[in-house]
Amino acid sequence: MAGSSHCPPAFEQRVIFDVGANVGEWSLAAAALPAPVCVYSFEPSGQTYARLVKVTRAKPQVKCFNMGLSRASGPREIMYSSRNPEKSSVEADAAALHATKIYDYVRLTQNFMRGDEFCEQHGIDRITYLKIDTEGHDLQVLRGFGDRLGDGRIPVIQFEYNRLNLHARSLLLDFHELLNPPSLPRRYRIGRIYPGSVHFKDYDYTDENFIDGNFLAVWSSLDGLVSRLKSGTEGG
């Protein structure tokens, strides 16, 4: 962990999680938002984490943690590439998909924690925006937040879906059923992110195309936000 685990009081209004922060580009963009924010950046790889700390050291609203998030707390093995750190992954089979082009993979053991456990330890009640980019491990990260997915304390979630999900055995259907259990009223509106807008729609099996992309899940009661995102309007 770099520095204090708590943001100054002025930054406590909106909490953002950057899970799979890599070298910090997304964290820096979040820190530049006009509203007061506190960004928690998670990166399990030691070398990449060192770069993350260096890049964000001038931003007191960014707190860096040398760990990953997952469905269970404890040590996990990751496949790490120093030349291509953005391709490092705890999903060995998913990482192997890159193996024909990435020749410097090494196996490292790093610390991981459940998201709900981290929140409890650090006194975080609500996460305004949860962004996940973990090379095929996104579904397991989400599962680690447990009941927080069901009570509105994480109103907006961004996750990645691509061909790595095939190797990680996590379908887009799994995300839909985790966020919206079939036996319960709909909790989240889910849609693919496009330049300028989000295409919200119900799941269909034809959506399992494993095409690279990011999805957004928005708490169902936030109708105004959903409408703005559908139309490409960012205000509010």
C-alpha atoms as a PDB file:
ATOM      1  CA  MET A   1       0.000   0.000   0.000  1.00  0.00           C
ATOM      2  CA  ALA A   2       1.228   3.490  -0.798  1.00  0.00           C
ATOM      3  CA  GLY A   3       0.726   6.110   1.898  1.00  0.00           C
ATOM      4  CA  SER A   4      -2.437   6.462   3.965  1.00  0.00           C
ATOM      5  CA  SER A   5      -5.392   4.250   3.123  1.00  0.00           C
ATOM      6  CA  HIS A   6      -7.798   7.150   3.673  1.00  0.00           C
ATOM      7  CA  CYS A   7      -8.414  10.165   1.469  1.00  0.00           C
ATOM      8  CA  PRO A   8      -8.617  13.659   2.934  1.00  0.00           C
ATOM      9  CA  PRO A   9     -12.190  14.563   4.030  1.00  0.00           C
ATOM     10  CA  ALA A  10     -12.729  16.716   0.940  1.00  0.00           C
ATOM     11  CA  PHE A  11     -12.400  13.638  -1.253  1.00  0.00           C
ATOM     12  CA  GLU A  12     -14.755  11.345   0.651  1.00  0.00           C
ATOM     13  CA  GLN A  13     -17.913  12.279  -1.257  1.00  0.00           C
ATOM     14  CA  ARG A  14     -17.420   9.939  -4.227  1.00  0.00           C
ATOM     15  CA  VAL A  15     -15.454   6.710  -3.959  1.00  0.00           C
ATOM     16  CA  ILE A  16     -14.090   5.114  -7.136  1.00  0.00           C
ATOM     17  CA  PHE A  17     -12.424   1.684  -7.351  1.00  0.00           C
ATOM     18  CA  ASP A  18      -9.954   0.963 -10.157  1.00  0.00           C
ATOM     19  CA  VAL A  19      -9.459  -2.814  -9.997  1.00  0.00           C
ATOM     20  CA  GLY A  20      -6.640  -3.859 -12.288  1.00  0.00           C
ATOM     21  CA  ALA A  21      -5.196  -0.354 -12.339  1.00  0.00           C
ATOM     22  CA  ASN A  22      -2.050  -1.303 -14.276  1.00  0.00           C
ATOM     23  CA  VAL A  23       0.148   1.815 -14.528  1.00  0.00           C
ATOM     24  CA  GLY A  24      -2.602   4.226 -13.538  1.00  0.00           C
ATOM     25  CA  GLU A  25      -3.905   5.887 -16.690  1.00  0.00           C
ATOM     26  CA  TRP A  26      -7.559   5.275 -15.798  1.00  0.00           C
ATOM     27  CA  SER A  27      -6.961   6.258 -12.162  1.00  0.00           C
ATOM     28  CA  LEU A  28      -5.471   9.571 -13.260  1.00  0.00           C
ATOM     29  CA  ALA A  29      -8.462  10.235 -15.505  1.00  0.00           C
ATOM     30  CA  ALA A  30     -10.815   9.514 -12.591  1.00  0.00           C
ATOM     31  CA  ALA A  31      -8.791  11.785 -10.307  1.00  0.00           C
ATOM     32  CA  ALA A  32      -9.189  14.610 -12.825  1.00  0.00           C
ATOM     33  CA  LEU A  33     -12.994  14.613 -12.533  1.00  0.00           C
ATOM     34  CA  PRO A  34     -14.388  17.999 -11.449  1.00  0.00           C
ATOM     35  CA  ALA A  35     -16.253  16.491  -8.477  1.00  0.00           C
ATOM     36  CA  PRO A  36     -14.348  15.563  -5.288  1.00  0.00           C
ATOM     37  CA  VAL A  37     -13.328  11.906  -5.571  1.00  0.00           C
ATOM     38  CA  CYS A  38     -11.275   9.298  -3.770  1.00  0.00           C
ATOM     39  CA  VAL A  39      -9.778   6.682  -6.094  1.00  0.00           C
ATOM     40  CA  TYR A  40      -8.695   3.303  -4.722  1.00  0.00           C
ATOM     41  CA  SER A  41      -6.316   1.695  -7.223  1.00  0.00           C
ATOM     42  CA  PHE A  42      -5.548  -2.030  -7.028  1.00  0.00           C
ATOM     43  CA  GLU A  43      -2.603  -3.654  -8.799  1.00  0.00           C
ATOM     44  CA  PRO A  44      -1.209  -7.035  -7.650  1.00  0.00           C
ATOM     45  CA  SER A  45       1.962  -7.112  -9.754  1.00  0.00           C
ATOM     46  CA  GLY A  46       4.897  -5.631  -7.826  1.00  0.00           C
ATOM     47  CA  GLN A  47       6.708  -4.078 -10.806  1.00  0.00           C
ATOM     48  CA  THR A  48       3.556  -2.607 -12.299  1.00  0.00           C
ATOM     49  CA  TYR A  49       2.473  -1.395  -8.873  1.00  0.00           C
ATOM     50  CA  ALA A  50       5.737   0.529  -8.496  1.00  0.00           C
ATOM     51  CA  ARG A  51       4.990   2.356 -11.741  1.00  0.00           C
ATOM     52  CA  LEU A  52       1.421   3.004 -10.586  1.00  0.00           C
ATOM     53  CA  VAL A  53       2.674   4.624  -7.381  1.00  0.00           C
ATOM     54  CA  LYS A  54       5.166   6.765  -9.289  1.00  0.00           C
ATOM     55  CA  VAL A  55       2.584   7.968 -11.803  1.00  0.00           C
ATOM     56  CA  THR A  56      -0.023   8.873  -9.173  1.00  0.00           C
ATOM     57  CA  ARG A  57       2.210  10.177  -6.370  1.00  0.00           C
ATOM     58  CA  ALA A  58       1.196  13.793  -7.027  1.00  0.00           C
ATOM     59  CA  LYS A  59      -2.496  12.947  -6.630  1.00  0.00           C
ATOM     60  CA  PRO A  60      -3.477  12.694  -2.929  1.00  0.00           C
ATOM     61  CA  GLN A  61      -6.942  11.524  -3.959  1.00  0.00           C
ATOM     62  CA  VAL A  62      -5.462   8.305  -5.457  1.00  0.00           C
ATOM     63  CA  LYS A  63      -4.656   5.543  -2.970  1.00  0.00           C
ATOM     64  CA  CYS A  64      -2.686   2.586  -4.338  1.00  0.00           C
ATOM     65  CA  PHE A  65      -2.812  -0.986  -3.043  1.00  0.00           C
ATOM     66  CA  ASN A  66      -0.413  -3.761  -4.029  1.00  0.00           C
ATOM     67  CA  MET A  67      -3.086  -6.450  -4.124  1.00  0.00           C
ATOM     68  CA  GLY A  68      -5.803  -7.875  -6.305  1.00  0.00           C
ATOM     69  CA  LEU A  69      -9.504  -8.363  -5.608  1.00  0.00           C
ATOM     70  CA  SER A  70     -11.233 -11.711  -6.084  1.00  0.00           C
ATOM     71  CA  ARG A  71     -14.013 -13.944  -4.765  1.00  0.00           C
ATOM     72  CA  ALA A  72     -11.802 -15.183  -1.902  1.00  0.00           C
ATOM     73  CA  SER A  73      -9.084 -13.597   0.221  1.00  0.00           C
ATOM     74  CA  GLY A  74      -5.591 -15.093   0.257  1.00  0.00           C
ATOM     75  CA  PRO A  75      -2.557 -15.629  -1.961  1.00  0.00           C
ATOM     76  CA  ARG A  76      -3.121 -16.406  -5.637  1.00  0.00           C
ATOM     77  CA  GLU A  77      -0.786 -17.126  -8.515  1.00  0.00           C
ATOM     78  CA  ILE A  78      -0.722 -14.713 -11.438  1.00  0.00           C
ATOM     79  CA  MET A  79       0.884 -14.812 -14.865  1.00  0.00           C
ATOM     80  CA  TYR A  80       2.999 -11.664 -15.162  1.00  0.00           C
ATOM     81  CA  SER A  81       4.604 -10.049 -18.201  1.00  0.00           C
ATOM     82  CA  SER A  82       7.059  -7.189 -17.658  1.00  0.00           C
ATOM     83  CA  ARG A  83       6.966  -6.222 -21.338  1.00  0.00           C
ATOM     84  CA  ASN A  84       3.192  -6.310 -21.535  1.00  0.00           C
ATOM     85  CA  PRO A  85       1.923  -5.692 -17.973  1.00  0.00           C
ATOM     86  CA  GLU A  86      -1.586  -5.008 -19.266  1.00  0.00           C
ATOM     87  CA  LYS A  87      -1.760  -8.689 -20.301  1.00  0.00           C
ATOM     88  CA  SER A  88      -0.909 -10.042 -16.855  1.00  0.00           C
ATOM     89  CA  SER A  89      -3.709 -12.098 -15.333  1.00  0.00           C
ATOM     90  CA  VAL A  90      -4.651 -14.369 -12.447  1.00  0.00           C
ATOM     91  CA  GLU A  91      -6.474 -16.468 -15.044  1.00  0.00           C
ATOM     92  CA  ALA A  92      -3.690 -18.723 -16.279  1.00  0.00           C
ATOM     93  CA  ASP A  93      -5.734 -20.201 -19.118  1.00  0.00           C
ATOM     94  CA  ALA A  94      -6.779 -16.748 -20.257  1.00  0.00           C
ATOM     95  CA  ALA A  95      -3.201 -15.495 -20.121  1.00  0.00           C
ATOM     96  CA  ALA A  96      -2.123 -18.517 -22.138  1.00  0.00           C
ATOM     97  CA  LEU A  97      -4.185 -17.132 -25.002  1.00  0.00           C
ATOM     98  CA  HIS A  98      -1.503 -14.443 -25.323  1.00  0.00           C
ATOM     99  CA  ALA A  99       1.370 -16.882 -24.845  1.00  0.00           C
ATOM    100  CA  THR A 100       2.167 -17.203 -28.541  1.00  0.00           C
ATOM    101  CA  LYS A 101       2.986 -13.475 -28.635  1.00  0.00           C
ATOM    102  CA  ILE A 102       4.219 -12.877 -25.092  1.00  0.00           C
ATOM    103  CA  TYR A 103       7.352 -14.803 -24.212  1.00  0.00           C
ATOM    104  CA  ASP A 104       8.285 -13.386 -20.818  1.00  0.00           C
ATOM    105  CA  TYR A 105       5.399 -14.682 -18.674  1.00  0.00           C
ATOM    106  CA  VAL A 106       6.464 -15.677 -15.178  1.00  0.00           C
ATOM    107  CA  ARG A 107       4.346 -17.063 -12.343  1.00  0.00           C
ATOM    108  CA  LEU A 108       4.125 -14.904  -9.226  1.00  0.00           C
ATOM    109  CA  THR A 109       2.208 -15.333  -5.985  1.00  0.00           C
ATOM    110  CA  GLN A 110       0.412 -12.174  -4.861  1.00  0.00           C
ATOM    111  CA  ASN A 111      -2.128 -11.149  -2.229  1.00  0.00           C
ATOM    112  CA  PHE A 112      -5.841 -10.983  -3.051  1.00  0.00           C
ATOM    113  CA  MET A 113      -8.828  -9.912  -0.998  1.00  0.00           C
ATOM    114  CA  ARG A 114     -12.599  -9.967  -1.269  1.00  0.00           C
ATOM    115  CA  GLY A 115     -13.988  -6.561  -2.144  1.00  0.00           C
ATOM    116  CA  ASP A 116     -16.518  -6.579   0.688  1.00  0.00           C
ATOM    117  CA  GLU A 117     -13.774  -7.472   3.174  1.00  0.00           C
ATOM    118  CA  PHE A 118     -11.614  -4.601   1.924  1.00  0.00           C
ATOM    119  CA  CYS A 119     -14.539  -2.196   2.292  1.00  0.00           C
ATOM    120  CA  GLU A 120     -15.178  -3.345   5.840  1.00  0.00           C
ATOM    121  CA  GLN A 121     -11.519  -2.962   6.805  1.00  0.00           C
ATOM    122  CA  HIS A 122     -11.304   0.549   5.360  1.00  0.00           C
ATOM    123  CA  GLY A 123     -14.678   1.877   6.458  1.00  0.00           C
ATOM    124  CA  ILE A 124     -16.092   2.199   2.932  1.00  0.00           C
ATOM    125  CA  ASP A 125     -19.864   1.999   2.874  1.00  0.00           C
ATOM    126  CA  ARG A 126     -20.569   3.005  -0.732  1.00  0.00           C
ATOM    127  CA  ILE A 127     -18.589   2.755  -3.985  1.00  0.00           C
ATOM    128  CA  THR A 128     -19.853   5.340  -6.443  1.00  0.00           C
ATOM    129  CA  TYR A 129     -18.145   3.735  -9.448  1.00  0.00           C
ATOM    130  CA  LEU A 130     -16.499   0.315  -9.638  1.00  0.00           C
ATOM    131  CA  LYS A 131     -14.258  -0.243 -12.665  1.00  0.00           C
ATOM    132  CA  ILE A 132     -12.814  -3.718 -13.291  1.00  0.00           C
ATOM    133  CA  ASP A 133     -10.239  -4.664 -15.928  1.00  0.00           C
ATOM    134  CA  THR A 134      -8.526  -7.875 -14.861  1.00  0.00           C
ATOM    135  CA  GLU A 135      -7.929  -9.873 -18.035  1.00  0.00           C
ATOM    136  CA  GLY A 136     -10.637 -12.488 -17.637  1.00  0.00           C
ATOM    137  CA  HIS A 137     -11.038 -12.339 -13.825  1.00  0.00           C
ATOM    138  CA  ASP A 138     -13.741  -9.646 -13.715  1.00  0.00           C
ATOM    139  CA  LEU A 139     -16.565 -12.009 -12.739  1.00  0.00           C
ATOM    140  CA  GLN A 140     -14.594 -13.321  -9.744  1.00  0.00           C
ATOM    141  CA  VAL A 141     -13.865  -9.759  -8.637  1.00  0.00           C
ATOM    142  CA  LEU A 142     -17.579  -8.984  -8.697  1.00  0.00           C
ATOM    143  CA  ARG A 143     -18.430 -12.099  -6.696  1.00  0.00           C
ATOM    144  CA  GLY A 144     -16.127 -10.866  -3.954  1.00  0.00           C
ATOM    145  CA  PHE A 145     -18.423  -7.923  -3.234  1.00  0.00           C
ATOM    146  CA  GLY A 146     -21.188 -10.247  -2.028  1.00  0.00           C
ATOM    147  CA  ASP A 147     -24.323  -8.550  -0.698  1.00  0.00           C
ATOM    148  CA  ARG A 148     -23.083  -5.112  -1.727  1.00  0.00           C
ATOM    149  CA  LEU A 149     -24.257  -5.966  -5.249  1.00  0.00           C
ATOM    150  CA  GLY A 150     -27.806  -6.337  -4.014  1.00  0.00           C
ATOM    151  CA  ASP A 151     -28.481  -3.233  -1.950  1.00  0.00           C
ATOM    152  CA  GLY A 152     -27.458  -0.331  -4.157  1.00  0.00           C
ATOM    153  CA  ARG A 153     -24.159   0.450  -2.455  1.00  0.00           C
ATOM    154  CA  ILE A 154     -22.345  -0.003  -5.791  1.00  0.00           C
ATOM    155  CA  PRO A 155     -24.655   1.857  -8.188  1.00  0.00           C
ATOM    156  CA  VAL A 156     -22.389   1.850 -11.259  1.00  0.00           C
ATOM    157  CA  ILE A 157     -20.103  -0.998 -12.358  1.00  0.00           C
ATOM    158  CA  GLN A 158     -17.857  -1.177 -15.415  1.00  0.00           C
ATOM    159  CA  PHE A 159     -16.464  -4.559 -16.454  1.00  0.00           C
ATOM    160  CA  GLU A 160     -14.631  -6.018 -19.422  1.00  0.00           C
ATOM    161  CA  TYR A 161     -15.849  -8.853 -21.659  1.00  0.00           C
ATOM    162  CA  ASN A 162     -13.795 -10.378 -24.472  1.00  0.00           C
ATOM    163  CA  ARG A 163     -12.276 -13.612 -25.769  1.00  0.00           C
ATOM    164  CA  LEU A 164     -10.455 -14.112 -22.454  1.00  0.00           C
ATOM    165  CA  ASN A 165     -13.826 -14.825 -20.849  1.00  0.00           C
ATOM    166  CA  LEU A 166     -14.087 -17.953 -22.959  1.00  0.00           C
ATOM    167  CA  HIS A 167     -10.853 -19.296 -21.446  1.00  0.00           C
ATOM    168  CA  ALA A 168     -11.829 -18.109 -17.974  1.00  0.00           C
ATOM    169  CA  ARG A 169     -15.161 -19.940 -18.321  1.00  0.00           C
ATOM    170  CA  SER A 170     -17.159 -16.784 -17.547  1.00  0.00           C
ATOM    171  CA  LEU A 171     -19.978 -15.943 -19.928  1.00  0.00           C
ATOM    172  CA  LEU A 172     -21.767 -12.650 -20.314  1.00  0.00           C
ATOM    173  CA  LEU A 173     -24.768 -14.598 -19.013  1.00  0.00           C
ATOM    174  CA  ASP A 174     -22.893 -15.151 -15.725  1.00  0.00           C
ATOM    175  CA  PHE A 175     -22.523 -11.392 -15.245  1.00  0.00           C
ATOM    176  CA  HIS A 176     -26.227 -10.854 -15.928  1.00  0.00           C
ATOM    177  CA  GLU A 177     -27.306 -13.596 -13.512  1.00  0.00           C
ATOM    178  CA  LEU A 178     -24.934 -12.425 -10.781  1.00  0.00           C
ATOM    179  CA  LEU A 179     -26.088  -8.814 -11.002  1.00  0.00           C
ATOM    180  CA  ASN A 180     -29.722  -9.718 -11.687  1.00  0.00           C
ATOM    181  CA  PRO A 181     -30.600 -13.060 -10.082  1.00  0.00           C
ATOM    182  CA  PRO A 182     -33.473 -14.571 -12.096  1.00  0.00           C
ATOM    183  CA  SER A 183     -35.687 -15.016  -9.029  1.00  0.00           C
ATOM    184  CA  LEU A 184     -35.491 -11.346  -7.964  1.00  0.00           C
ATOM    185  CA  PRO A 185     -36.662  -8.005  -9.417  1.00  0.00           C
ATOM    186  CA  ARG A 186     -34.105  -6.457 -11.745  1.00  0.00           C
ATOM    187  CA  ARG A 187     -31.369  -4.652  -9.853  1.00  0.00           C
ATOM    188  CA  TYR A 188     -29.126  -3.382 -12.666  1.00  0.00           C
ATOM    189  CA  ARG A 189     -29.546  -2.169 -16.232  1.00  0.00           C
ATOM    190  CA  ILE A 190     -26.640  -3.596 -18.233  1.00  0.00           C
ATOM    191  CA  GLY A 191     -25.308  -2.438 -21.575  1.00  0.00           C
ATOM    192  CA  ARG A 192     -22.284  -2.389 -23.839  1.00  0.00           C
ATOM    193  CA  ILE A 193     -20.302   0.845 -23.861  1.00  0.00           C
ATOM    194  CA  TYR A 194     -19.927   2.480 -27.260  1.00  0.00           C
ATOM    195  CA  PRO A 195     -18.202   5.761 -28.135  1.00  0.00           C
ATOM    196  CA  GLY A 196     -20.621   8.407 -26.901  1.00  0.00           C
ATOM    197  CA  SER A 197     -23.346   6.170 -25.462  1.00  0.00           C
ATOM    198  CA  VAL A 198     -24.292   2.912 -23.727  1.00  0.00           C
ATOM    199  CA  HIS A 199     -26.589   0.357 -25.385  1.00  0.00           C
ATOM    200  CA  PHE A 200     -28.687  -1.057 -22.552  1.00  0.00           C
ATOM    201  CA  LYS A 201     -30.585  -4.251 -23.333  1.00  0.00           C
ATOM    202  CA  ASP A 202     -31.768  -7.510 -21.852  1.00  0.00           C
ATOM    203  CA  TYR A 203     -29.489 -10.518 -22.267  1.00  0.00           C
ATOM    204  CA  ASP A 204     -29.792 -12.700 -25.345  1.00  0.00           C
ATOM    205  CA  TYR A 205     -27.667 -15.731 -26.165  1.00  0.00           C
ATOM    206  CA  THR A 206     -26.559 -14.034 -29.386  1.00  0.00           C
ATOM    207  CA  ASP A 207     -24.693 -11.533 -27.178  1.00  0.00           C
ATOM    208  CA  GLU A 208     -22.094 -14.233 -26.401  1.00  0.00           C
ATOM    209  CA  ASN A 209     -19.756 -13.113 -29.162  1.00  0.00           C
ATOM    210  CA  PHE A 210     -16.582 -12.606 -27.061  1.00  0.00           C
ATOM    211  CA  ILE A 211     -15.866  -9.389 -28.941  1.00  0.00           C
ATOM    212  CA  ASP A 212     -13.573  -7.025 -27.029  1.00  0.00           C
ATOM    213  CA  GLY A 213     -15.593  -4.451 -25.141  1.00  0.00           C
ATOM    214  CA  ASN A 214     -16.621  -2.914 -21.848  1.00  0.00           C
ATOM    215  CA  PHE A 215     -20.048  -3.096 -20.225  1.00  0.00           C
ATOM    216  CA  LEU A 216     -21.761  -0.812 -17.769  1.00  0.00           C
ATOM    217  CA  ALA A 217     -24.216  -1.905 -15.076  1.00  0.00           C
ATOM    218  CA  VAL A 218     -26.320   0.900 -13.564  1.00  0.00           C
ATOM    219  CA  TRP A 219     -28.589   0.507 -10.538  1.00  0.00           C
ATOM    220  CA  SER A 220     -32.116   0.192 -11.881  1.00  0.00           C
ATOM    221  CA  SER A 221     -33.591   3.127  -9.941  1.00  0.00           C
ATOM    222  CA  LEU A 222     -31.182   5.588 -11.598  1.00  0.00           C
ATOM    223  CA  ASP A 223     -33.481   6.167 -14.572  1.00  0.00           C
ATOM    224  CA  GLY A 224     -32.144   9.643 -15.261  1.00  0.00           C
ATOM    225  CA  LEU A 225     -28.568   8.416 -15.515  1.00  0.00           C
ATOM    226  CA  VAL A 226     -29.602   5.530 -17.758  1.00  0.00           C
ATOM    227  CA  SER A 227     -31.437   7.933 -20.073  1.00  0.00           C
ATOM    228  CA  ARG A 228     -28.445  10.268 -20.313  1.00  0.00           C
ATOM    229  CA  LEU A 229     -26.062   7.405 -21.010  1.00  0.00           C
ATOM    230  CA  LYS A 230     -28.357   5.995 -23.697  1.00  0.00           C
ATOM    231  CA  SER A 231     -28.459   9.346 -25.440  1.00  0.00           C
ATOM    232  CA  GLY A 232     -24.782  10.090 -24.916  1.00  0.00           C
ATOM    233  CA  THR A 233     -25.393  13.004 -22.534  1.00  0.00           C
ATOM    234  CA  GLU A 234     -22.977  13.104 -19.585  1.00  0.00           C
ATOM    235  CA  GLY A 235     -24.497  15.894 -17.502  1.00  0.00           C
ATOM    236  CA  GLY A 236     -25.685  15.367 -13.920  1.00  0.00           C
END
